[in-house]
Amino acid sequence: MSFAHTIHTLGELARYPISIYSLGIQLIISVLVPYAFISFIPATSLFGKEEWVHFGWLVPILALYTVSLSLFIFKKGLAYTKVQATSG
């Protein structure tokens, strides 16, 4: 199973309200791969579900986290290809 397939499968979990999942799955969908902040959190704010509204304030912090993680992975990938290219 590839990494891309795993991420896609996690995205399928975001089609449903995260409140139906266990706490571990909620954390994965919210923090590790932040699909909940794309779909669930904005929808709950629009529909006035008060118990999830405070998570909306975490969106800017999570955006910084996601960008930082992406840059880290990108730079590691560049370093890996540089080593592969010079090892000939």
Protein backbone atom coordinates (compact mmCIF):
# COMPACT_ATOMS: atom_id res chain seq x y z
CA MET A 1 0.00 0.00 0.00
CA SER A 2 1.45 3.34 -1.03
CA PHE A 3 1.61 6.53 0.97
CA ALA A 4 -0.70 8.30 -1.50
CA HIS A 5 -3.31 5.55 -1.14
CA THR A 6 -3.16 5.83 2.65
CA ILE A 7 -3.71 9.60 2.53
CA HIS A 8 -6.60 9.13 0.10
CA THR A 9 -8.18 6.59 2.45
CA LEU A 10 -7.89 9.05 5.34
CA GLY A 11 -9.61 11.61 3.13
CA GLU A 12 -12.54 9.24 2.75
CA LEU A 13 -12.94 9.28 6.53
CA ALA A 14 -13.46 13.03 6.38
CA ARG A 15 -16.69 12.55 4.43
CA TYR A 16 -18.47 11.81 7.69
CA PRO A 17 -18.68 13.83 10.92
CA ILE A 18 -15.55 13.22 12.97
CA SER A 19 -17.64 12.95 16.12
CA ILE A 20 -18.63 9.38 15.12
CA TYR A 21 -15.01 8.18 15.30
CA SER A 22 -12.91 7.31 18.31
CA LEU A 23 -10.56 9.91 19.79
CA GLY A 24 -7.51 8.40 18.04
CA ILE A 25 -9.10 8.65 14.59
CA GLN A 26 -10.32 12.17 15.41
CA LEU A 27 -6.76 13.23 16.22
CA ILE A 28 -5.40 11.70 13.01
CA ILE A 29 -8.04 13.41 10.87
CA SER A 30 -7.65 16.71 12.73
CA VAL A 31 -3.92 17.02 13.36
CA LEU A 32 -1.80 14.53 11.44
CA VAL A 33 -3.66 14.91 8.15
CA PRO A 34 -5.94 17.90 8.75
CA TYR A 35 -8.95 16.91 6.67
CA ALA A 36 -11.33 17.89 9.47
CA PHE A 37 -10.25 21.52 9.17
CA ILE A 38 -11.16 21.48 5.49
CA SER A 39 -14.66 20.06 5.85
CA PHE A 40 -16.00 19.31 9.32
CA ILE A 41 -14.92 22.36 11.33
CA PRO A 42 -16.18 24.96 8.81
CA ALA A 43 -19.48 23.08 8.38
CA THR A 44 -20.09 22.99 12.12
CA SER A 45 -19.44 26.72 12.31
CA LEU A 46 -21.93 27.37 9.51
CA PHE A 47 -24.60 25.23 11.14
CA GLY A 48 -24.04 26.68 14.60
CA LYS A 49 -22.76 23.61 16.44
CA GLU A 50 -21.30 25.39 19.44
CA GLU A 51 -19.22 22.50 20.81
CA TRP A 52 -16.86 22.59 17.79
CA VAL A 53 -16.65 26.34 17.20
CA HIS A 54 -13.53 26.83 19.35
CA PHE A 55 -11.57 24.52 17.03
CA GLY A 56 -11.98 27.10 14.26
CA TRP A 57 -9.41 29.27 16.01
CA LEU A 58 -6.83 26.53 15.50
CA VAL A 59 -7.02 26.79 11.71
CA PRO A 60 -4.19 29.39 11.37
CA ILE A 61 -1.94 27.39 13.69
CA LEU A 62 -2.68 24.20 11.79
CA ALA A 63 -1.98 25.98 8.50
CA LEU A 64 1.48 26.94 9.75
CA TYR A 65 2.04 23.38 10.93
CA THR A 66 1.02 21.98 7.54
CA VAL A 67 3.24 24.38 5.59
CA SER A 68 6.18 23.67 7.89
CA LEU A 69 5.73 19.91 7.57
CA SER A 70 5.43 20.21 3.79
CA LEU A 71 8.62 22.24 3.54
CA PHE A 72 10.46 19.77 5.77
CA ILE A 73 9.37 16.81 3.62
CA PHE A 74 10.20 18.72 0.42
CA LYS A 75 13.70 19.59 1.64
CA LYS A 76 14.32 16.01 2.76
CA GLY A 77 13.26 14.85 -0.69
CA LEU A 78 15.65 17.31 -2.35
CA ALA A 79 18.50 16.14 -0.13
CA TYR A 80 17.72 12.52 -0.98
CA THR A 81 17.69 13.14 -4.74
CA LYS A 82 20.97 15.08 -4.46
CA VAL A 83 22.60 12.09 -2.74
CA GLN A 84 21.17 9.73 -5.36
CA ALA A 85 22.35 11.90 -8.24
CA THR A 86 25.93 12.15 -6.98
CA SER A 87 26.30 8.53 -5.92
CA GLY A 88 26.13 7.52 -9.54
